[in-house]
Protein backbone atom coordinates (compact mmCIF):
# COMPACT_ATOMS: atom_id res chain seq x y z
CA MET A 1 -12.33 33.87 47.46
CA GLN A 2 -15.50 33.42 45.56
CA LEU A 3 -16.15 30.38 43.39
CA SER A 4 -16.04 32.39 40.17
CA THR A 5 -12.63 33.88 41.08
CA ARG A 6 -11.23 30.40 41.77
CA LYS A 7 -12.63 29.22 38.47
CA TYR A 8 -10.89 32.02 36.55
CA ILE A 9 -7.61 31.46 38.41
CA GLY A 10 -7.85 27.74 37.63
CA ILE A 11 -8.47 28.44 33.94
CA TRP A 12 -5.57 30.89 33.90
CA VAL A 13 -3.21 28.38 35.55
CA VAL A 14 -4.21 25.62 33.11
CA GLY A 15 -3.78 28.03 30.20
CA MET A 16 -0.33 29.10 31.35
CA MET A 17 0.76 25.49 31.88
CA THR A 18 -0.47 24.59 28.40
CA PHE A 19 1.41 27.55 26.92
CA ALA A 20 4.57 26.69 28.84
CA LEU A 21 4.51 23.04 27.80
CA SER A 22 3.71 23.80 24.18
CA SER A 23 6.58 26.26 23.94
CA CYS A 24 9.00 23.86 25.62
CA GLY A 25 11.72 22.80 23.21
CA ILE A 26 11.64 19.18 24.33
CA TYR A 27 8.74 18.22 22.10
CA SER A 28 9.45 20.39 19.11
CA PHE A 29 11.07 19.15 15.93
CA LYS A 30 13.72 21.09 14.10
CA ASP A 31 13.21 22.06 10.51
CA VAL A 32 14.53 19.94 7.71
CA SER A 33 18.17 20.86 7.19
CA ILE A 34 19.25 20.24 3.61
CA ASP A 35 21.80 22.24 1.67
CA TYR A 36 19.86 22.35 -1.60
CA SER A 37 22.81 23.95 -3.37
CA LYS A 38 24.69 20.63 -2.96
CA ILE A 39 21.99 18.01 -2.33
CA LYS A 40 19.48 17.88 -5.17
CA SER A 41 18.22 14.31 -5.57
CA ILE A 42 17.45 11.18 -3.61
CA LYS A 43 17.16 7.53 -4.48
CA ILE A 44 14.90 5.61 -2.09
CA GLY A 45 15.33 1.87 -2.27
CA PHE A 46 12.65 -0.67 -1.45
CA ILE A 47 12.72 -1.51 2.26
CA GLU A 48 12.97 -5.30 2.29
CA ASN A 49 11.60 -7.48 5.06
CA LYS A 50 14.36 -9.71 6.43
CA ALA A 51 12.72 -10.38 9.80
CA ARG A 52 11.94 -13.96 10.84
CA TYR A 53 8.21 -13.18 10.90
CA VAL A 54 7.05 -11.26 7.83
CA ASN A 55 4.04 -8.96 7.81
CA PRO A 56 3.47 -8.79 4.03
CA GLN A 57 1.92 -5.31 4.23
CA LEU A 58 4.67 -3.62 6.23
CA SER A 59 7.53 -3.51 3.73
CA PRO A 60 5.71 -1.99 0.72
CA GLN A 61 3.66 0.39 2.86
CA LEU A 62 6.71 1.61 4.82
CA THR A 63 8.59 2.22 1.56
CA ASP A 64 5.61 4.11 0.15
CA LYS A 65 5.05 6.24 3.30
CA LEU A 66 8.73 7.17 3.43
CA GLN A 67 8.70 8.18 -0.24
CA GLN A 68 5.56 10.27 0.31
CA LYS A 69 6.99 12.02 3.37
CA ILE A 70 10.26 12.89 1.64
CA ALA A 71 8.42 14.12 -1.46
CA SER A 72 6.01 16.27 0.54
CA GLN A 73 8.48 17.72 3.06
CA THR A 74 11.63 18.29 0.99
CA LYS A 75 12.49 19.78 -2.38
CA LEU A 76 14.60 16.79 -3.37
CA ILE A 77 14.04 15.21 -6.77
CA ARG A 78 13.34 11.50 -6.48
CA THR A 79 15.30 9.36 -8.92
CA ASN A 80 16.22 5.74 -9.49
CA ASN A 81 19.70 6.65 -10.74
CA ASP A 82 22.79 5.59 -8.81
CA ASP A 83 24.21 9.12 -9.09
CA ALA A 84 21.60 10.59 -6.71
CA SER A 85 22.98 12.97 -4.08
CA LEU A 86 21.45 10.83 -1.33
CA GLN A 87 20.81 7.10 -1.49
CA LEU A 88 18.53 5.69 1.18
CA SER A 89 18.05 1.95 1.57
CA GLY A 90 17.16 -0.44 4.33
CA TYR A 91 15.45 -3.52 5.60
CA ILE A 92 13.17 -4.63 8.42
CA SER A 93 15.48 -6.62 10.67
CA ASP A 94 13.11 -7.51 13.52
CA TYR A 95 9.38 -8.03 13.79
CA SER A 96 8.63 -9.91 16.97
CA VAL A 97 6.06 -10.26 19.73
CA SER A 98 6.75 -10.64 23.43
CA THR A 99 4.76 -10.45 26.63
CA ALA A 100 4.61 -6.92 28.03
CA ALA A 101 2.48 -7.33 31.16
CA ILE A 102 1.41 -10.21 33.37
CA THR A 103 -1.19 -10.25 36.13
CA THR A 104 -2.17 -13.30 38.15
CA GLN A 105 0.06 -15.49 36.00
CA GLN A 106 -1.67 -14.50 32.77
CA ALA A 107 -0.53 -12.14 30.02
CA THR A 108 -2.58 -8.95 29.84
CA ALA A 109 -0.52 -7.11 27.24
CA ASN A 110 1.80 -8.07 24.44
CA ARG A 111 4.45 -6.01 22.71
CA LEU A 112 5.21 -5.87 19.01
CA THR A 113 8.80 -4.80 18.37
CA VAL A 114 9.71 -3.53 14.92
CA THR A 115 13.29 -2.66 13.97
CA VAL A 116 14.39 -1.16 10.67
CA HIS A 117 18.05 -0.95 9.65
CA MET A 118 18.73 1.95 7.30
CA THR A 119 21.73 3.05 5.26
CA LEU A 120 22.09 6.63 4.03
CA ARG A 121 24.80 7.29 1.50
CA ASN A 122 25.67 10.90 0.73
CA THR A 123 27.47 10.78 -2.62
CA VAL A 124 28.25 14.51 -2.55
CA ASP A 125 30.25 14.35 0.70
CA ASN A 126 31.18 10.67 0.25
CA LYS A 127 29.73 9.75 3.66
CA THR A 128 27.68 6.76 4.76
CA ASP A 129 25.46 6.61 7.83
CA GLU A 130 23.97 3.35 9.07
CA PHE A 131 21.36 3.45 11.82
CA ASP A 132 18.59 1.39 13.38
CA VAL A 133 15.12 2.56 14.28
CA SER A 134 13.39 0.30 16.77
CA ARG A 135 10.00 0.89 18.38
CA ASN A 136 7.66 -1.08 20.63
CA PHE A 137 3.90 -1.16 20.20
CA ASP A 138 1.83 -2.64 23.02
CA PHE A 139 -1.53 -4.32 22.50
CA SER A 140 -4.04 -6.31 24.52
CA ALA A 141 -3.26 -9.99 25.04
CA ASN A 142 -6.91 -10.66 24.17
CA LEU A 143 -6.13 -9.85 20.54
CA SER A 144 -4.54 -12.22 18.07
CA LEU A 145 -1.41 -10.97 16.31
CA GLN A 146 -3.40 -10.48 13.11
CA GLN A 147 -6.03 -8.39 14.94
CA ALA A 148 -3.32 -6.33 16.62
CA GLU A 149 -1.47 -5.82 13.34
CA SER A 150 -4.55 -4.41 11.65
CA GLN A 151 -5.00 -1.94 14.51
CA LEU A 152 -1.34 -1.05 14.95
CA LEU A 153 -0.18 -0.83 11.32
CA PRO A 154 -1.05 2.89 10.81
CA GLU A 155 0.80 3.82 14.02
CA VAL A 156 3.77 1.60 13.16
CA LEU A 157 4.06 3.17 9.70
CA ARG A 158 3.73 6.74 10.98
CA THR A 159 6.19 6.27 13.83
CA LEU A 160 8.88 4.50 11.81
CA THR A 161 8.54 6.91 8.88
CA ASP A 162 8.88 9.92 11.19
CA GLU A 163 11.88 8.42 12.99
CA ILE A 164 13.71 7.60 9.76
CA PHE A 165 12.89 10.99 8.23
CA ASN A 166 14.02 12.88 11.34
CA HIS A 167 17.28 10.96 11.53
CA VAL A 168 18.07 11.63 7.88
CA PHE A 169 16.97 15.25 7.58
CA SER A 170 17.03 16.91 11.01
CA ASN A 171 19.87 18.14 13.16
CA TRP A 172 18.98 16.53 16.48
């Protein structure tokens, strides 16, 4: 085989693998599943921070990101009334740091764990769903917690918002 033929076969194989992995259902998200004939409005409560360590930016920014995501990806009307079809509330229950990796008796990586407890009340069907979303975020042990927080906050917000949204609105 000539070098150019191998090159084209290699490109073809990589292309087919990329296509196969991108079409694999494992990484795809299902569409939002809301019966808009029954569910018309949502009340989103402020996500309080009840963790022992409080990052003052996390609670208001998580509440805001969740409100933005719901507003941009659903047709639900946001309200502050208690007669909303869906009522979503919650609190940050854990915000803690632990050692994630040790080499030669010294920490090389730390792990920030963030857990949010959410309650979804469906007033139309008179159902309540309580769930926790917990994620770990690793960072270099060379960074202080404040340095790590400033780097990790966008990822923490995006990940937790997506997890909460998917639990509430997707049929997993």
